[in-house]
């Protein structure tokens, strides 16, 4: 790979910086139990959520769309869909920091990159809960910009959300490296907008064009993208 000058690193959020904790299914079952549906299978909820997530097309991250996704995750498990009962409580719970775990490599990597005078940013498909959540997780202050699909109205992989991020960082696209866990949304989307990109596959065997830990970013920049 030819050497390039990277002046900023942007990150996806879900699956890259944070994950639901202990899992989506655990949280769904816990909230359902408080609203009269105890004993639901966490494994089944996780499985049905994953299936509903994979089936999504043109998801815009609106509250209404989230309600539909939650209903699909509970399909056949309870008598009344969550959208007509406890969905508001579930939606609010995911705005709380206790619903999420920050991956252990996140803060050390942020501090290391910032020490090298690199700008940091977020480019995320999310809703209005993200920026308050990042503040509650004590991550927001690391970023020079936070670009969220609900504000731009164009989710990844649209080039528009990446273009907005480059404008917010006041840098050309070719000076930015984007990191995320989706080949289609993050890597193809970023490269389509002129950014550099690397795929995060936590715990996977190292391959060309991907990393298995955020801690690999600094070495990647030093070895092949030298700042």
Protein backbone atom coordinates (compact mmCIF):
# COMPACT_ATOMS: atom_id res chain seq x y z
CA UNK A 1 0.00 0.00 0.00
CA UNK A 2 1.40 3.40 -0.90
CA UNK A 3 2.12 5.73 1.98
CA UNK A 4 -0.50 8.38 2.57
CA UNK A 5 -1.00 11.19 5.03
CA UNK A 6 -3.81 10.39 7.48
CA UNK A 7 -4.85 13.32 9.65
CA UNK A 8 -8.07 11.94 11.18
CA UNK A 9 -9.60 8.60 12.11
CA UNK A 10 -13.38 8.16 12.19
CA UNK A 11 -15.26 5.31 13.81
CA UNK A 12 -18.51 3.45 13.49
CA UNK A 13 -20.12 3.03 16.94
CA UNK A 14 -22.23 -0.12 17.37
CA UNK A 15 -20.03 -3.23 17.23
CA UNK A 16 -16.94 -1.07 16.83
CA UNK A 17 -16.80 1.04 19.99
CA UNK A 18 -19.69 -0.36 22.06
CA UNK A 19 -22.02 -3.36 22.20
CA UNK A 20 -25.31 -4.12 23.99
CA UNK A 21 -24.58 -5.66 27.38
CA UNK A 22 -24.96 -8.46 28.30
CA UNK A 23 -26.81 -8.85 24.96
CA UNK A 24 -29.86 -7.56 23.14
CA UNK A 25 -31.77 -10.65 24.24
CA UNK A 26 -30.87 -10.14 27.90
CA UNK A 27 -32.14 -6.57 27.80
CA UNK A 28 -35.30 -7.44 25.89
CA UNK A 29 -36.11 -10.25 28.33
CA UNK A 30 -35.44 -8.08 31.38
CA UNK A 31 -37.68 -5.22 30.22
CA UNK A 32 -40.40 -7.67 29.11
CA UNK A 33 -40.34 -9.32 32.54
CA UNK A 34 -40.97 -5.98 34.23
CA UNK A 35 -44.03 -5.54 32.04
CA UNK A 36 -45.69 -8.86 32.68
CA UNK A 37 -43.82 -11.30 30.43
CA UNK A 38 -41.30 -13.12 32.65
CA UNK A 39 -39.14 -16.07 31.69
CA UNK A 40 -38.62 -15.35 28.01
CA UNK A 41 -35.67 -17.13 26.40
CA UNK A 42 -32.67 -14.85 25.97
CA UNK A 43 -31.29 -17.17 23.30
CA UNK A 44 -34.53 -17.08 21.31
CA UNK A 45 -34.74 -13.30 21.54
CA UNK A 46 -31.14 -12.93 20.38
CA UNK A 47 -31.81 -15.30 17.49
CA UNK A 48 -35.01 -13.56 16.40
CA UNK A 49 -33.43 -10.12 16.71
CA UNK A 50 -30.48 -11.24 14.58
CA UNK A 51 -32.84 -12.61 11.94
CA UNK A 52 -34.97 -9.47 11.92
CA UNK A 53 -31.84 -7.32 11.68
CA UNK A 54 -30.49 -9.27 8.70
CA UNK A 55 -33.85 -8.91 6.93
CA UNK A 56 -33.87 -5.11 7.16
CA UNK A 57 -33.86 -3.04 3.99
CA UNK A 58 -33.42 0.73 3.84
CA UNK A 59 -33.55 1.05 7.62
CA UNK A 60 -33.62 4.74 8.55
CA UNK A 61 -33.20 4.37 12.33
CA UNK A 62 -36.48 6.10 13.15
CA UNK A 63 -38.38 5.32 16.35
CA UNK A 64 -41.18 3.77 14.28
CA UNK A 65 -38.76 1.47 12.48
CA UNK A 66 -37.17 0.42 15.77
CA UNK A 67 -40.66 -0.47 17.04
CA UNK A 68 -41.18 -2.70 14.02
CA UNK A 69 -37.82 -4.39 14.57
CA UNK A 70 -38.62 -5.03 18.24
CA UNK A 71 -42.04 -6.45 17.34
CA UNK A 72 -40.35 -8.86 14.91
CA UNK A 73 -37.88 -9.89 17.61
CA UNK A 74 -40.74 -10.80 19.98
CA UNK A 75 -42.93 -12.42 17.32
CA UNK A 76 -44.68 -15.51 18.66
CA UNK A 77 -43.30 -15.05 22.18
CA UNK A 78 -45.86 -12.70 23.74
CA UNK A 79 -49.52 -11.95 23.19
CA UNK A 80 -49.36 -8.22 22.46
CA UNK A 81 -46.59 -6.67 20.34
CA UNK A 82 -44.16 -4.46 22.31
CA UNK A 83 -45.07 -1.50 20.08
CA UNK A 84 -48.43 -1.48 21.85
CA UNK A 85 -47.08 -2.06 25.34
CA UNK A 86 -43.52 -1.72 26.65
CA UNK A 87 -41.61 -0.51 23.57
CA UNK A 88 -41.24 3.06 24.99
CA UNK A 89 -39.52 1.65 28.09
CA UNK A 90 -37.25 -0.49 25.94
CA UNK A 91 -36.37 2.42 23.66
CA UNK A 92 -35.51 4.57 26.67
CA UNK A 93 -33.42 1.82 28.28
CA UNK A 94 -31.07 1.68 25.29
CA UNK A 95 -30.34 5.37 25.85
CA UNK A 96 -28.79 4.48 29.21
CA UNK A 97 -25.09 3.69 29.64
CA UNK A 98 -25.86 0.49 31.57
CA UNK A 99 -27.29 -1.03 28.37
CA UNK A 100 -23.86 -0.88 26.72
CA UNK A 101 -20.29 -2.05 27.14
CA UNK A 102 -17.38 -0.01 25.83
CA UNK A 103 -14.80 -2.37 24.34
CA UNK A 104 -11.59 -2.44 26.37
CA UNK A 105 -9.38 -1.26 23.51
CA UNK A 106 -11.40 1.91 22.80
CA UNK A 107 -10.13 4.48 25.29
CA UNK A 108 -6.43 3.51 25.11
CA UNK A 109 -6.56 3.75 21.31
CA UNK A 110 -8.33 7.11 21.43
CA UNK A 111 -5.69 8.47 23.78
CA UNK A 112 -2.85 7.10 21.66
CA UNK A 113 -4.22 8.56 18.43
CA UNK A 114 -4.92 11.92 20.07
CA UNK A 115 -1.34 11.98 21.36
CA UNK A 116 -0.24 11.78 17.74
CA UNK A 117 -2.34 14.90 16.99
CA UNK A 118 -4.86 12.98 14.88
CA UNK A 119 -8.43 14.22 14.84
CA UNK A 120 -11.07 11.71 15.88
CA UNK A 121 -14.66 11.46 14.69
CA UNK A 122 -17.79 9.31 14.60
CA UNK A 123 -19.75 8.34 11.49
CA UNK A 124 -22.70 6.29 12.67
CA UNK A 125 -26.10 5.04 11.60
CA UNK A 126 -28.08 5.85 14.75
CA UNK A 127 -30.89 8.00 16.10
CA UNK A 128 -31.22 10.98 18.43
CA UNK A 129 -30.07 8.91 21.41
CA UNK A 130 -26.46 8.56 20.25
CA UNK A 131 -24.86 11.88 21.23
CA UNK A 132 -26.36 11.88 24.76
CA UNK A 133 -25.32 8.24 25.10
CA UNK A 134 -21.73 9.00 24.08
CA UNK A 135 -21.65 11.71 26.73
CA UNK A 136 -22.98 9.32 29.39
CA UNK A 137 -20.37 6.74 28.39
CA UNK A 138 -17.67 9.45 28.71
CA UNK A 139 -16.61 9.06 25.08
CA UNK A 140 -18.01 12.19 23.47
CA UNK A 141 -15.17 14.52 24.44
CA UNK A 142 -12.64 12.46 22.51
CA UNK A 143 -14.25 13.42 19.21
CA UNK A 144 -13.72 16.47 17.03
CA UNK A 145 -16.95 15.66 15.19
CA UNK A 146 -19.91 13.30 15.55
CA UNK A 147 -21.89 12.68 12.36
CA UNK A 148 -25.13 10.73 12.88
CA UNK A 149 -27.47 9.48 10.18
CA UNK A 150 -30.58 10.88 11.88
CA UNK A 151 -29.14 14.40 11.52
CA UNK A 152 -27.89 13.94 7.96
CA UNK A 153 -30.93 11.90 6.79
CA UNK A 154 -28.62 9.69 4.73
CA UNK A 155 -27.37 6.55 6.50
CA UNK A 156 -24.24 4.67 5.54
CA UNK A 157 -23.26 3.55 2.95
CA UNK A 158 -24.50 6.77 1.32
CA UNK A 159 -21.54 8.98 0.42
CA UNK A 160 -23.44 11.97 1.80
CA UNK A 161 -22.95 11.03 5.45
CA UNK A 162 -19.22 10.59 4.84
CA UNK A 163 -19.05 13.90 3.00
CA UNK A 164 -20.72 15.64 5.95
CA UNK A 165 -18.12 14.12 8.25
CA UNK A 166 -15.25 15.37 6.11
CA UNK A 167 -16.79 18.85 6.18
CA UNK A 168 -17.15 18.72 9.96
CA UNK A 169 -13.50 17.70 10.31
CA UNK A 170 -12.42 20.34 7.77
CA UNK A 171 -10.26 17.77 5.97
CA UNK A 172 -10.18 16.24 2.50
CA UNK A 173 -11.58 12.72 2.28
CA UNK A 174 -8.20 11.24 1.41
CA UNK A 175 -6.81 12.45 4.76
CA UNK A 176 -9.31 10.37 6.77
CA UNK A 177 -9.25 6.69 7.75
CA UNK A 178 -12.63 5.19 8.67
CA UNK A 179 -12.89 2.12 10.91
CA UNK A 180 -16.00 -0.04 11.23
CA UNK A 181 -17.28 -3.59 11.48
CA UNK A 182 -19.41 -3.67 8.31
CA UNK A 183 -17.80 -4.35 4.95
CA UNK A 184 -20.76 -2.83 3.09
CA UNK A 185 -21.67 0.08 5.35
CA UNK A 186 -18.25 1.14 6.58
CA UNK A 187 -15.58 -0.04 4.16
CA UNK A 188 -17.39 0.19 0.82
CA UNK A 189 -19.30 3.28 1.93
CA UNK A 190 -16.20 5.13 3.07
CA UNK A 191 -14.13 4.20 0.04
CA UNK A 192 -16.99 5.21 -2.23
CA UNK A 193 -16.78 8.70 -0.72
CA UNK A 194 -13.00 8.87 -1.11
CA UNK A 195 -11.97 8.01 2.45
CA UNK A 196 -9.58 5.24 3.37
CA UNK A 197 -11.15 2.40 5.31
CA UNK A 198 -10.29 -0.68 7.30
CA UNK A 199 -12.62 -3.46 8.44
CA UNK A 200 -12.69 -4.42 12.12
CA UNK A 201 -13.23 -8.13 12.78
CA UNK A 202 -12.73 -8.61 16.50
CA UNK A 203 -10.99 -11.88 17.31
CA UNK A 204 -10.71 -12.97 13.67
CA UNK A 205 -7.55 -14.10 11.91
CA UNK A 206 -5.68 -11.09 10.47
CA UNK A 207 -6.24 -10.49 6.76
CA UNK A 208 -5.27 -7.83 4.29
CA UNK A 209 -7.50 -4.78 4.66
CA UNK A 210 -8.83 -5.69 8.09
CA UNK A 211 -7.83 -5.59 11.76
CA UNK A 212 -8.97 -7.71 14.70
CA UNK A 213 -8.47 -5.09 17.42
CA UNK A 214 -8.57 -1.31 17.47
CA UNK A 215 -5.10 -1.44 18.97
CA UNK A 216 -3.86 -2.39 15.48
CA UNK A 217 -4.74 1.03 14.06
CA UNK A 218 -1.60 2.82 15.20
CA UNK A 219 0.67 0.10 13.80
CA UNK A 220 -1.32 0.16 10.56
CA UNK A 221 -0.83 3.89 10.25
CA UNK A 222 2.88 3.65 11.02
CA UNK A 223 3.61 0.75 8.69
CA UNK A 224 1.49 1.38 5.62
CA UNK A 225 -0.25 4.73 5.90
CA UNK A 226 2.42 6.72 7.69
CA UNK A 227 1.04 9.97 9.00
